N, C-alpha and C. Protein backbone atom coordinates (compact mmCIF):
# COMPACT_ATOMS: atom_id res chain seq x y z
N MET A 1 -21.72 -2.83 8.52
CA MET A 1 -21.85 -3.02 7.08
C MET A 1 -20.51 -3.49 6.52
N LYS A 2 -20.60 -4.46 5.65
CA LYS A 2 -19.43 -4.95 4.96
C LYS A 2 -19.53 -4.50 3.51
N SER A 3 -18.40 -4.25 2.91
CA SER A 3 -18.37 -3.76 1.54
C SER A 3 -17.37 -4.60 0.75
N TYR A 4 -17.74 -4.93 -0.48
CA TYR A 4 -16.89 -5.76 -1.34
C TYR A 4 -16.88 -5.15 -2.72
N ILE A 5 -15.69 -4.92 -3.26
CA ILE A 5 -15.55 -4.41 -4.62
C ILE A 5 -15.64 -5.60 -5.57
N ALA A 6 -16.67 -5.61 -6.40
CA ALA A 6 -16.90 -6.72 -7.33
C ALA A 6 -15.89 -6.66 -8.48
N LYS A 7 -15.52 -7.83 -8.96
CA LYS A 7 -14.53 -7.93 -10.04
C LYS A 7 -15.09 -8.77 -11.18
N GLY A 8 -14.99 -8.26 -12.40
CA GLY A 8 -15.37 -9.03 -13.58
C GLY A 8 -16.85 -9.12 -13.87
N VAL A 9 -17.65 -8.26 -13.23
CA VAL A 9 -19.11 -8.27 -13.43
C VAL A 9 -19.62 -6.85 -13.62
N CYS A 10 -20.90 -6.72 -13.89
CA CYS A 10 -21.51 -5.41 -14.14
C CYS A 10 -21.62 -4.55 -12.87
N CYS A 11 -21.88 -5.19 -11.74
CA CYS A 11 -22.02 -4.39 -10.52
C CYS A 11 -20.64 -3.95 -10.03
N ASP A 12 -20.59 -2.83 -9.35
CA ASP A 12 -19.32 -2.27 -8.87
C ASP A 12 -18.99 -2.70 -7.45
N LYS A 13 -20.03 -2.78 -6.62
CA LYS A 13 -19.82 -3.03 -5.21
C LYS A 13 -21.00 -3.78 -4.63
N ILE A 14 -20.74 -4.57 -3.59
CA ILE A 14 -21.79 -5.28 -2.87
C ILE A 14 -21.67 -4.89 -1.39
N ILE A 15 -22.78 -4.48 -0.82
CA ILE A 15 -22.81 -4.08 0.59
C ILE A 15 -23.78 -5.02 1.31
N PHE A 16 -23.39 -5.47 2.49
CA PHE A 16 -24.23 -6.41 3.23
C PHE A 16 -23.80 -6.48 4.69
N ASP A 17 -24.62 -7.11 5.50
CA ASP A 17 -24.31 -7.40 6.90
C ASP A 17 -24.40 -8.89 7.13
N ILE A 18 -23.65 -9.38 8.07
CA ILE A 18 -23.81 -10.75 8.56
C ILE A 18 -23.92 -10.64 10.07
N GLU A 19 -25.06 -11.07 10.62
CA GLU A 19 -25.29 -11.06 12.06
C GLU A 19 -25.66 -12.47 12.50
N ASN A 20 -24.87 -13.02 13.41
CA ASN A 20 -25.11 -14.38 13.88
C ASN A 20 -25.24 -15.37 12.73
N ASP A 21 -24.36 -15.24 11.74
CA ASP A 21 -24.29 -16.10 10.57
C ASP A 21 -25.50 -15.95 9.63
N ILE A 22 -26.27 -14.89 9.80
CA ILE A 22 -27.43 -14.63 8.94
C ILE A 22 -27.15 -13.38 8.09
N ILE A 23 -27.43 -13.49 6.79
CA ILE A 23 -27.20 -12.38 5.86
C ILE A 23 -28.34 -11.38 5.94
N LYS A 24 -27.97 -10.10 5.99
CA LYS A 24 -28.97 -9.03 6.07
C LYS A 24 -28.52 -7.84 5.23
N ASN A 25 -29.47 -7.02 4.85
CA ASN A 25 -29.22 -5.72 4.21
C ASN A 25 -28.32 -5.79 2.98
N VAL A 26 -28.61 -6.68 2.06
CA VAL A 26 -27.80 -6.83 0.85
C VAL A 26 -28.17 -5.77 -0.18
N ARG A 27 -27.15 -5.09 -0.70
CA ARG A 27 -27.36 -4.10 -1.76
C ARG A 27 -26.24 -4.23 -2.79
N PHE A 28 -26.61 -4.29 -4.04
CA PHE A 28 -25.65 -4.28 -5.13
C PHE A 28 -25.62 -2.87 -5.68
N ILE A 29 -24.45 -2.33 -5.90
CA ILE A 29 -24.30 -1.02 -6.53
C ILE A 29 -23.94 -1.27 -7.99
N GLY A 30 -24.83 -0.88 -8.89
CA GLY A 30 -24.64 -1.14 -10.31
C GLY A 30 -25.19 -2.51 -10.67
N GLY A 31 -24.95 -2.92 -11.89
CA GLY A 31 -25.43 -4.23 -12.34
C GLY A 31 -26.85 -4.18 -12.85
N CYS A 32 -27.38 -5.34 -13.17
CA CYS A 32 -28.74 -5.47 -13.67
C CYS A 32 -29.71 -5.38 -12.50
N SER A 33 -30.41 -4.31 -12.39
CA SER A 33 -31.22 -4.00 -11.22
C SER A 33 -32.17 -5.12 -10.80
N GLY A 34 -32.92 -5.64 -11.74
CA GLY A 34 -33.89 -6.70 -11.39
C GLY A 34 -33.20 -7.95 -10.87
N ASN A 35 -32.14 -8.36 -11.54
CA ASN A 35 -31.43 -9.56 -11.11
C ASN A 35 -30.77 -9.38 -9.75
N THR A 36 -30.10 -8.26 -9.57
CA THR A 36 -29.40 -8.06 -8.29
C THR A 36 -30.39 -7.89 -7.13
N GLN A 37 -31.52 -7.23 -7.39
CA GLN A 37 -32.54 -7.12 -6.34
C GLN A 37 -33.09 -8.50 -5.99
N GLY A 38 -33.29 -9.33 -7.01
CA GLY A 38 -33.79 -10.69 -6.79
C GLY A 38 -32.83 -11.52 -5.96
N VAL A 39 -31.55 -11.49 -6.32
CA VAL A 39 -30.54 -12.23 -5.57
C VAL A 39 -30.49 -11.73 -4.13
N ALA A 40 -30.49 -10.41 -3.97
CA ALA A 40 -30.44 -9.82 -2.63
C ALA A 40 -31.61 -10.30 -1.77
N ARG A 41 -32.81 -10.27 -2.30
CA ARG A 41 -33.98 -10.70 -1.53
C ARG A 41 -33.96 -12.19 -1.22
N LEU A 42 -33.45 -12.97 -2.15
CA LEU A 42 -33.41 -14.42 -1.92
C LEU A 42 -32.45 -14.81 -0.80
N VAL A 43 -31.34 -14.09 -0.67
CA VAL A 43 -30.36 -14.48 0.37
C VAL A 43 -30.61 -13.82 1.71
N GLU A 44 -31.42 -12.77 1.75
CA GLU A 44 -31.70 -12.11 3.04
C GLU A 44 -32.35 -13.11 3.99
N GLY A 45 -31.78 -13.22 5.18
CA GLY A 45 -32.30 -14.15 6.18
C GLY A 45 -31.70 -15.55 6.07
N MET A 46 -30.90 -15.78 5.05
CA MET A 46 -30.29 -17.09 4.83
C MET A 46 -28.98 -17.18 5.63
N LYS A 47 -28.64 -18.39 6.06
CA LYS A 47 -27.34 -18.60 6.70
C LYS A 47 -26.24 -18.34 5.68
N ALA A 48 -25.19 -17.69 6.13
CA ALA A 48 -24.10 -17.29 5.24
C ALA A 48 -23.51 -18.49 4.50
N GLU A 49 -23.23 -19.55 5.20
CA GLU A 49 -22.62 -20.72 4.56
C GLU A 49 -23.53 -21.35 3.51
N GLU A 50 -24.83 -21.32 3.74
CA GLU A 50 -25.78 -21.86 2.77
C GLU A 50 -25.79 -21.00 1.51
N ALA A 51 -25.75 -19.68 1.67
CA ALA A 51 -25.72 -18.79 0.51
C ALA A 51 -24.47 -19.03 -0.32
N VAL A 52 -23.34 -19.18 0.33
CA VAL A 52 -22.09 -19.44 -0.39
C VAL A 52 -22.21 -20.74 -1.16
N LYS A 53 -22.73 -21.77 -0.52
CA LYS A 53 -22.89 -23.08 -1.15
C LYS A 53 -23.77 -22.98 -2.41
N ARG A 54 -24.83 -22.20 -2.35
CA ARG A 54 -25.76 -22.10 -3.47
C ARG A 54 -25.28 -21.20 -4.60
N LEU A 55 -24.53 -20.14 -4.27
CA LEU A 55 -24.18 -19.12 -5.25
C LEU A 55 -22.79 -19.26 -5.85
N LYS A 56 -21.88 -19.85 -5.12
CA LYS A 56 -20.48 -19.91 -5.57
C LYS A 56 -20.37 -20.73 -6.85
N GLY A 57 -19.66 -20.17 -7.82
CA GLY A 57 -19.40 -20.87 -9.06
C GLY A 57 -20.38 -20.56 -10.18
N ILE A 58 -21.42 -19.77 -9.91
CA ILE A 58 -22.36 -19.39 -10.98
C ILE A 58 -21.62 -18.45 -11.93
N LYS A 59 -21.75 -18.72 -13.22
CA LYS A 59 -21.11 -17.88 -14.24
C LYS A 59 -22.17 -17.08 -14.98
N CYS A 60 -21.74 -15.97 -15.56
CA CYS A 60 -22.61 -15.11 -16.36
C CYS A 60 -22.11 -15.16 -17.80
N GLY A 61 -22.81 -15.88 -18.64
CA GLY A 61 -22.39 -16.00 -20.03
C GLY A 61 -21.00 -16.61 -20.11
N SER A 62 -20.10 -15.95 -20.82
CA SER A 62 -18.74 -16.46 -20.97
C SER A 62 -17.80 -15.98 -19.86
N LYS A 63 -18.32 -15.16 -18.95
CA LYS A 63 -17.49 -14.68 -17.83
C LYS A 63 -17.24 -15.82 -16.85
N GLU A 64 -16.15 -15.76 -16.15
CA GLU A 64 -15.80 -16.78 -15.16
C GLU A 64 -16.51 -16.57 -13.83
N THR A 65 -17.28 -15.50 -13.72
CA THR A 65 -17.96 -15.16 -12.47
C THR A 65 -19.31 -14.53 -12.80
N SER A 66 -20.05 -14.12 -11.79
CA SER A 66 -21.35 -13.47 -11.94
C SER A 66 -21.59 -12.65 -10.69
N CYS A 67 -22.64 -11.87 -10.68
CA CYS A 67 -22.99 -11.11 -9.47
C CYS A 67 -23.28 -12.05 -8.30
N PRO A 68 -24.05 -13.15 -8.49
CA PRO A 68 -24.25 -14.08 -7.38
C PRO A 68 -22.94 -14.71 -6.89
N ASP A 69 -22.04 -15.06 -7.81
CA ASP A 69 -20.75 -15.62 -7.44
C ASP A 69 -19.93 -14.59 -6.67
N GLN A 70 -19.97 -13.35 -7.08
CA GLN A 70 -19.25 -12.30 -6.37
C GLN A 70 -19.80 -12.12 -4.96
N LEU A 71 -21.11 -12.22 -4.81
CA LEU A 71 -21.71 -12.14 -3.47
C LEU A 71 -21.21 -13.30 -2.62
N ALA A 72 -21.15 -14.50 -3.19
CA ALA A 72 -20.65 -15.66 -2.46
C ALA A 72 -19.21 -15.43 -2.02
N ARG A 73 -18.39 -14.88 -2.89
CA ARG A 73 -17.00 -14.61 -2.55
C ARG A 73 -16.90 -13.55 -1.44
N ALA A 74 -17.76 -12.54 -1.52
CA ALA A 74 -17.76 -11.50 -0.49
C ALA A 74 -18.14 -12.07 0.87
N ILE A 75 -19.17 -12.89 0.90
CA ILE A 75 -19.61 -13.52 2.14
C ILE A 75 -18.50 -14.41 2.69
N GLU A 76 -17.95 -15.24 1.82
CA GLU A 76 -16.90 -16.17 2.20
C GLU A 76 -15.70 -15.43 2.79
N GLU A 77 -15.33 -14.34 2.17
CA GLU A 77 -14.21 -13.53 2.64
C GLU A 77 -14.47 -13.00 4.05
N ASN A 78 -15.72 -12.70 4.35
CA ASN A 78 -16.06 -12.17 5.65
C ASN A 78 -16.32 -13.23 6.70
N LEU A 79 -16.32 -14.49 6.31
CA LEU A 79 -16.48 -15.58 7.26
C LEU A 79 -15.14 -16.07 7.80
N LEU A 80 -14.04 -15.69 7.15
CA LEU A 80 -12.72 -16.15 7.56
C LEU A 80 -12.28 -15.55 8.87
């Protein structure tokens, strides 16, 4: 399990696994429950690089980031 402390968004932490470049077991701690569950289900089974490509740069209102963007950053950090 990988853990990422989210910054600048409603959720506090993102927990996930990457196995053979495939995202699994995504959980957001805090945040908007429906939205974070939706994002988690959409990326489960997706290749890590594809998820980063799709989610990176999404903003939430006037914030410079969002929960999906934070997930992309977390994944990207774990691909290095």
